[in-house]
Amino acid sequence: MGDIDVGQLLGDSFDTLRLELRAQGLTQSVRNFSGEGSMSFKNWLADMDRAALLLNSDAEKMRQLALLSLKGPAAQQAAREIRANNQINWGQLRTAMRNRYSTLADEQYAVHHLKHLKQNDG
């Protein structure tokens, strides 16, 4: 039988525990996003990017954190993305969510702009 490196085993266990504790604390520091409001989406995305740095972009932890911090239609969208690709990493999920929700800002700006346009006297 091969020798077991106890030091390596303990180090790996402590690293796993450290990541778990970080992940638990992060659920309170990531703002929720429900699918409405471009500022809410931008805030959620920034919080998730910060969390990715702390979690070393661990795909499973980032998927869990995303599902915990998303609500309503946004949570359903993320769940669909994960079901479609079980190996999805944070970068791919982030891109999919941006493709779906980044247009909110453009649409809201367009509506705001149209409401404030004045017709020329003609």
N, C-alpha and C. Protein backbone atom coordinates (compact mmCIF):
# COMPACT_ATOMS: atom_id res chain seq x y z
N MET A 1 0.83 -1.19 0.00
CA MET A 1 0.00 0.00 0.00
C MET A 1 0.87 1.24 0.00
N GLY A 2 0.35 2.31 -0.60
CA GLY A 2 1.10 3.56 -0.67
C GLY A 2 1.07 4.30 0.65
N ASP A 3 2.10 5.08 0.86
CA ASP A 3 2.15 5.89 2.07
C ASP A 3 1.17 7.05 1.96
N ILE A 4 0.51 7.34 3.04
CA ILE A 4 -0.43 8.47 3.08
C ILE A 4 0.30 9.66 3.68
N ASP A 5 0.29 10.75 2.97
CA ASP A 5 0.92 11.97 3.47
C ASP A 5 -0.10 12.68 4.36
N VAL A 6 0.03 12.48 5.66
CA VAL A 6 -0.92 13.02 6.63
C VAL A 6 -0.92 14.55 6.58
N GLY A 7 0.25 15.13 6.42
CA GLY A 7 0.33 16.60 6.35
C GLY A 7 -0.45 17.14 5.17
N GLN A 8 -0.31 16.48 4.02
CA GLN A 8 -1.05 16.90 2.82
C GLN A 8 -2.55 16.72 3.02
N LEU A 9 -2.93 15.60 3.61
CA LEU A 9 -4.34 15.30 3.87
C LEU A 9 -4.94 16.35 4.80
N LEU A 10 -4.22 16.70 5.87
CA LEU A 10 -4.71 17.72 6.80
C LEU A 10 -4.78 19.09 6.12
N GLY A 11 -3.77 19.40 5.33
CA GLY A 11 -3.77 20.67 4.62
C GLY A 11 -4.95 20.80 3.68
N ASP A 12 -5.22 19.71 2.95
CA ASP A 12 -6.36 19.72 2.03
C ASP A 12 -7.67 19.87 2.79
N SER A 13 -7.78 19.19 3.93
CA SER A 13 -8.99 19.26 4.74
C SER A 13 -9.21 20.68 5.27
N PHE A 14 -8.13 21.31 5.73
CA PHE A 14 -8.25 22.68 6.22
C PHE A 14 -8.60 23.65 5.10
N ASP A 15 -8.05 23.43 3.92
CA ASP A 15 -8.40 24.28 2.77
C ASP A 15 -9.88 24.16 2.44
N THR A 16 -10.39 22.93 2.45
CA THR A 16 -11.81 22.69 2.18
C THR A 16 -12.68 23.36 3.24
N LEU A 17 -12.29 23.21 4.50
CA LEU A 17 -13.04 23.83 5.59
C LEU A 17 -13.01 25.35 5.48
N ARG A 18 -11.87 25.91 5.14
CA ARG A 18 -11.74 27.35 4.98
C ARG A 18 -12.68 27.86 3.88
N LEU A 19 -12.73 27.14 2.76
CA LEU A 19 -13.62 27.53 1.67
C LEU A 19 -15.09 27.42 2.08
N GLU A 20 -15.42 26.38 2.85
CA GLU A 20 -16.81 26.22 3.32
C GLU A 20 -17.22 27.38 4.21
N LEU A 21 -16.33 27.76 5.13
CA LEU A 21 -16.64 28.86 6.03
C LEU A 21 -16.78 30.19 5.27
N ARG A 22 -15.92 30.39 4.29
CA ARG A 22 -16.03 31.59 3.46
C ARG A 22 -17.36 31.60 2.72
N ALA A 23 -17.73 30.46 2.15
CA ALA A 23 -18.98 30.36 1.39
C ALA A 23 -20.18 30.67 2.26
N GLN A 24 -20.16 30.17 3.50
CA GLN A 24 -21.29 30.43 4.40
C GLN A 24 -21.41 31.91 4.72
N GLY A 25 -20.29 32.58 4.92
CA GLY A 25 -20.31 34.01 5.20
C GLY A 25 -20.69 34.84 3.99
N LEU A 26 -20.39 34.33 2.82
CA LEU A 26 -20.68 35.09 1.60
C LEU A 26 -22.16 35.19 1.30
N THR A 27 -22.95 34.23 1.77
CA THR A 27 -24.38 34.29 1.46
C THR A 27 -25.00 35.56 2.03
N GLN A 28 -24.43 36.10 3.11
CA GLN A 28 -24.97 37.34 3.66
C GLN A 28 -24.42 38.57 2.96
N SER A 29 -23.29 38.44 2.27
CA SER A 29 -22.69 39.62 1.64
C SER A 29 -23.05 39.78 0.16
N VAL A 30 -23.72 38.78 -0.42
CA VAL A 30 -24.16 38.90 -1.81
C VAL A 30 -25.63 39.34 -1.81
N ARG A 31 -25.87 40.48 -2.43
CA ARG A 31 -27.24 40.99 -2.51
C ARG A 31 -28.07 40.11 -3.43
N ASN A 32 -29.34 39.96 -3.09
CA ASN A 32 -30.25 39.15 -3.89
C ASN A 32 -30.60 39.85 -5.20
N PHE A 33 -30.91 39.04 -6.20
CA PHE A 33 -31.41 39.57 -7.48
C PHE A 33 -32.56 38.69 -7.91
N SER A 34 -33.68 39.34 -8.27
CA SER A 34 -34.89 38.59 -8.63
C SER A 34 -35.22 38.66 -10.11
N GLY A 35 -34.43 39.42 -10.87
CA GLY A 35 -34.71 39.53 -12.30
C GLY A 35 -35.22 40.90 -12.68
N GLU A 36 -35.32 41.81 -11.72
CA GLU A 36 -35.85 43.13 -11.99
C GLU A 36 -34.84 44.20 -11.59
N GLY A 37 -34.64 45.16 -12.46
CA GLY A 37 -33.80 46.31 -12.15
C GLY A 37 -32.35 46.12 -12.56
N SER A 38 -31.90 47.01 -13.42
CA SER A 38 -30.54 46.88 -13.92
C SER A 38 -29.51 47.15 -12.83
N MET A 39 -29.80 48.08 -11.91
CA MET A 39 -28.85 48.34 -10.83
C MET A 39 -28.76 47.13 -9.90
N SER A 40 -29.88 46.50 -9.63
CA SER A 40 -29.86 45.30 -8.80
C SER A 40 -29.02 44.20 -9.44
N PHE A 41 -29.15 44.07 -10.76
CA PHE A 41 -28.36 43.06 -11.47
C PHE A 41 -26.87 43.39 -11.39
N LYS A 42 -26.53 44.65 -11.64
CA LYS A 42 -25.13 45.07 -11.58
C LYS A 42 -24.54 44.85 -10.19
N ASN A 43 -25.33 45.16 -9.16
CA ASN A 43 -24.87 44.95 -7.78
C ASN A 43 -24.66 43.47 -7.50
N TRP A 44 -25.61 42.64 -7.92
CA TRP A 44 -25.50 41.19 -7.72
C TRP A 44 -24.26 40.66 -8.43
N LEU A 45 -24.06 41.10 -9.66
CA LEU A 45 -22.92 40.63 -10.44
C LEU A 45 -21.59 41.04 -9.78
N ALA A 46 -21.52 42.26 -9.29
CA ALA A 46 -20.30 42.73 -8.61
C ALA A 46 -20.05 41.92 -7.34
N ASP A 47 -21.11 41.66 -6.57
CA ASP A 47 -20.98 40.85 -5.36
C ASP A 47 -20.51 39.44 -5.69
N MET A 48 -21.07 38.87 -6.74
CA MET A 48 -20.69 37.51 -7.13
C MET A 48 -19.25 37.47 -7.63
N ASP A 49 -18.82 38.47 -8.36
CA ASP A 49 -17.43 38.52 -8.82
C ASP A 49 -16.46 38.61 -7.64
N ARG A 50 -16.84 39.38 -6.63
CA ARG A 50 -16.02 39.47 -5.42
C ARG A 50 -15.98 38.12 -4.71
N ALA A 51 -17.11 37.45 -4.66
CA ALA A 51 -17.18 36.13 -4.02
C ALA A 51 -16.32 35.11 -4.78
N ALA A 52 -16.30 35.23 -6.10
CA ALA A 52 -15.50 34.30 -6.92
C ALA A 52 -14.03 34.39 -6.55
N LEU A 53 -13.57 35.60 -6.26
CA LEU A 53 -12.17 35.77 -5.85
C LEU A 53 -11.90 35.05 -4.53
N LEU A 54 -12.83 35.17 -3.60
CA LEU A 54 -12.65 34.54 -2.29
C LEU A 54 -12.77 33.02 -2.35
N LEU A 55 -13.56 32.53 -3.30
CA LEU A 55 -13.78 31.08 -3.42
C LEU A 55 -12.90 30.44 -4.49
N ASN A 56 -11.93 31.20 -4.98
CA ASN A 56 -11.04 30.69 -6.03
C ASN A 56 -11.83 30.19 -7.24
N SER A 57 -12.93 30.84 -7.53
CA SER A 57 -13.81 30.50 -8.66
C SER A 57 -14.23 29.04 -8.68
N ASP A 58 -14.37 28.43 -7.52
CA ASP A 58 -14.82 27.04 -7.41
C ASP A 58 -16.21 26.92 -8.05
N ALA A 59 -16.30 26.17 -9.15
CA ALA A 59 -17.54 26.12 -9.95
C ALA A 59 -18.74 25.68 -9.12
N GLU A 60 -18.58 24.66 -8.32
CA GLU A 60 -19.72 24.15 -7.53
C GLU A 60 -20.16 25.17 -6.48
N LYS A 61 -19.22 25.77 -5.79
CA LYS A 61 -19.56 26.76 -4.76
C LYS A 61 -20.21 28.00 -5.38
N MET A 62 -19.70 28.41 -6.54
CA MET A 62 -20.27 29.58 -7.19
C MET A 62 -21.69 29.30 -7.69
N ARG A 63 -21.92 28.11 -8.19
CA ARG A 63 -23.30 27.74 -8.60
C ARG A 63 -24.22 27.76 -7.40
N GLN A 64 -23.77 27.20 -6.28
CA GLN A 64 -24.59 27.18 -5.07
C GLN A 64 -24.87 28.60 -4.59
N LEU A 65 -23.84 29.43 -4.56
CA LEU A 65 -24.01 30.81 -4.11
C LEU A 65 -24.97 31.57 -5.03
N ALA A 66 -24.85 31.34 -6.33
CA ALA A 66 -25.76 32.00 -7.27
C ALA A 66 -27.20 31.59 -6.99
N LEU A 67 -27.42 30.29 -6.83
CA LEU A 67 -28.79 29.82 -6.58
C LEU A 67 -29.34 30.32 -5.25
N LEU A 68 -28.48 30.48 -4.26
CA LEU A 68 -28.92 30.99 -2.96
C LEU A 68 -29.24 32.48 -3.00
N SER A 69 -28.55 33.22 -3.85
CA SER A 69 -28.73 34.67 -3.88
C SER A 69 -29.72 35.13 -4.93
N LEU A 70 -30.13 34.24 -5.82
CA LEU A 70 -31.12 34.60 -6.83
C LEU A 70 -32.51 34.21 -6.35
N LYS A 71 -33.48 34.98 -6.75
CA LYS A 71 -34.88 34.74 -6.39
C LYS A 71 -35.73 34.79 -7.65
N GLY A 72 -36.92 34.22 -7.57
CA GLY A 72 -37.91 34.32 -8.64
C GLY A 72 -37.41 33.93 -10.01
N PRO A 73 -37.75 34.74 -11.04
CA PRO A 73 -37.38 34.41 -12.42
C PRO A 73 -35.87 34.27 -12.64
N ALA A 74 -35.07 35.06 -11.92
CA ALA A 74 -33.61 34.96 -12.09
C ALA A 74 -33.11 33.61 -11.58
N ALA A 75 -33.65 33.13 -10.48
CA ALA A 75 -33.27 31.82 -9.95
C ALA A 75 -33.68 30.71 -10.92
N GLN A 76 -34.86 30.86 -11.51
CA GLN A 76 -35.31 29.87 -12.49
C GLN A 76 -34.41 29.86 -13.71
N GLN A 77 -33.97 31.04 -14.16
CA GLN A 77 -33.08 31.13 -15.31
C GLN A 77 -31.74 30.45 -15.02
N ALA A 78 -31.18 30.72 -13.85
CA ALA A 78 -29.90 30.10 -13.47
C ALA A 78 -30.05 28.59 -13.36
N ALA A 79 -31.15 28.13 -12.79
CA ALA A 79 -31.38 26.69 -12.66
C ALA A 79 -31.48 26.03 -14.04
N ARG A 80 -32.14 26.72 -14.99
CA ARG A 80 -32.21 26.18 -16.35
C ARG A 80 -30.82 26.07 -16.97
N GLU A 81 -30.00 27.08 -16.77
CA GLU A 81 -28.64 27.07 -17.32
C GLU A 81 -27.83 25.91 -16.72
N ILE A 82 -27.97 25.71 -15.43
CA ILE A 82 -27.22 24.64 -14.75
C ILE A 82 -27.72 23.28 -15.18
N ARG A 83 -29.04 23.13 -15.32
CA ARG A 83 -29.58 21.84 -15.79
C ARG A 83 -29.13 21.54 -17.22
N ALA A 84 -29.03 22.56 -18.04
CA ALA A 84 -28.61 22.38 -19.43
C ALA A 84 -27.14 22.00 -19.53
N ASN A 85 -26.33 22.47 -18.59
CA ASN A 85 -24.90 22.18 -18.59
C ASN A 85 -24.44 22.01 -17.15
N ASN A 86 -24.44 20.78 -16.67
CA ASN A 86 -24.11 20.50 -15.28
C ASN A 86 -22.66 20.86 -14.94
N GLN A 87 -21.82 20.99 -15.94
CA GLN A 87 -20.41 21.33 -15.72
C GLN A 87 -20.13 22.82 -15.89
N ILE A 88 -21.18 23.62 -15.95
CA ILE A 88 -21.03 25.06 -16.19
C ILE A 88 -20.16 25.68 -15.10
N ASN A 89 -19.25 26.55 -15.51
CA ASN A 89 -18.42 27.24 -14.52
C ASN A 89 -18.98 28.64 -14.29
N TRP A 90 -18.38 29.37 -13.36
CA TRP A 90 -18.91 30.69 -13.04
C TRP A 90 -18.85 31.63 -14.24
N GLY A 91 -17.79 31.59 -15.01
CA GLY A 91 -17.68 32.46 -16.17
C GLY A 91 -18.80 32.22 -17.17
N GLN A 92 -19.13 30.96 -17.41
CA GLN A 92 -20.21 30.62 -18.35
C GLN A 92 -21.57 31.03 -17.80
N LEU A 93 -21.80 30.77 -16.52
CA LEU A 93 -23.08 31.15 -15.91
C LEU A 93 -23.22 32.67 -15.87
N ARG A 94 -22.13 33.35 -15.56
CA ARG A 94 -22.12 34.82 -15.53
C ARG A 94 -22.48 35.37 -16.91
N THR A 95 -21.88 34.80 -17.95
CA THR A 95 -22.17 35.24 -19.32
C THR A 95 -23.63 35.00 -19.68
N ALA A 96 -24.15 33.84 -19.33
CA ALA A 96 -25.55 33.52 -19.62
C ALA A 96 -26.49 34.49 -18.91
N MET A 97 -26.19 34.81 -17.65
CA MET A 97 -27.04 35.73 -16.91
C MET A 97 -26.92 37.15 -17.47
N ARG A 98 -25.73 37.54 -17.88
CA ARG A 98 -25.55 38.87 -18.50
C ARG A 98 -26.32 38.96 -19.81
N ASN A 99 -26.26 37.89 -20.60
CA ASN A 99 -26.99 37.88 -21.87
C ASN A 99 -28.49 38.03 -21.64
N ARG A 100 -28.96 37.45 -20.56
CA ARG A 100 -30.39 37.50 -20.27
C ARG A 100 -30.80 38.83 -19.62
N TYR A 101 -29.99 39.34 -18.70
CA TYR A 101 -30.43 40.47 -17.88
C TYR A 101 -29.72 41.79 -18.17
N SER A 102 -28.66 41.80 -18.94
CA SER A 102 -27.97 43.07 -19.19
C SER A 102 -28.79 43.96 -20.12
N THR A 103 -29.69 43.39 -20.88
CA THR A 103 -30.54 44.21 -21.75
C THR A 103 -31.54 45.02 -20.95
N LEU A 104 -31.72 44.69 -19.68
CA LEU A 104 -32.61 45.48 -18.84
C LEU A 104 -32.20 46.94 -18.84
N ALA A 105 -30.91 47.18 -18.71
CA ALA A 105 -30.42 48.57 -18.66
C ALA A 105 -30.74 49.28 -19.96
N ASP A 106 -30.52 48.62 -21.08
CA ASP A 106 -30.78 49.23 -22.38
C ASP A 106 -32.26 49.53 -22.56
N GLU A 107 -33.11 48.59 -22.18
CA GLU A 107 -34.55 48.79 -22.32
C GLU A 107 -35.04 49.90 -21.41
N GLN A 108 -34.56 49.91 -20.18
CA GLN A 108 -35.00 50.94 -19.24
C GLN A 108 -34.53 52.32 -19.68
N TYR A 109 -33.31 52.39 -20.21
CA TYR A 109 -32.81 53.67 -20.71
C TYR A 109 -33.65 54.14 -21.89
N ALA A 110 -33.97 53.22 -22.80
CA ALA A 110 -34.77 53.59 -23.98
C ALA A 110 -36.14 54.10 -23.56
N VAL A 111 -36.79 53.45 -22.63
CA VAL A 111 -38.11 53.89 -22.17
C VAL A 111 -37.99 55.26 -21.52
N HIS A 112 -37.00 55.44 -20.67
CA HIS A 112 -36.80 56.72 -20.00
C HIS A 112 -36.55 57.82 -21.03
N HIS A 113 -35.71 57.54 -22.00
CA HIS A 113 -35.37 58.50 -23.03
C HIS A 113 -36.60 58.88 -23.86
N LEU A 114 -37.39 57.87 -24.22
CA LEU A 114 -38.59 58.14 -25.02
C LEU A 114 -39.62 58.97 -24.25
N LYS A 115 -39.72 58.73 -22.95
CA LYS A 115 -40.67 59.50 -22.14
C LYS A 115 -40.29 60.98 -22.06
N HIS A 116 -39.01 61.25 -22.19
CA HIS A 116 -38.55 62.63 -22.00
C HIS A 116 -38.22 63.34 -23.31
N LEU A 117 -38.49 62.71 -24.42
CA LEU A 117 -38.29 63.37 -25.72
C LEU A 117 -39.39 64.39 -25.94
N LYS A 118 -39.00 65.48 -26.56
CA LYS A 118 -39.98 66.51 -26.90
C LYS A 118 -40.04 66.63 -28.41
N GLN A 119 -41.25 66.69 -28.90
CA GLN A 119 -41.41 66.84 -30.34
C GLN A 119 -41.13 68.27 -30.76
N ASN A 120 -40.53 68.40 -31.92
CA ASN A 120 -40.29 69.75 -32.45
C ASN A 120 -41.62 70.36 -32.92
N ASP A 121 -41.72 71.64 -32.69
CA ASP A 121 -42.91 72.34 -33.21
C ASP A 121 -42.80 72.40 -34.72
N GLY A 122 -43.79 71.97 -35.40
CA GLY A 122 -43.61 71.92 -36.82
C GLY A 122 -44.73 72.33 -37.60
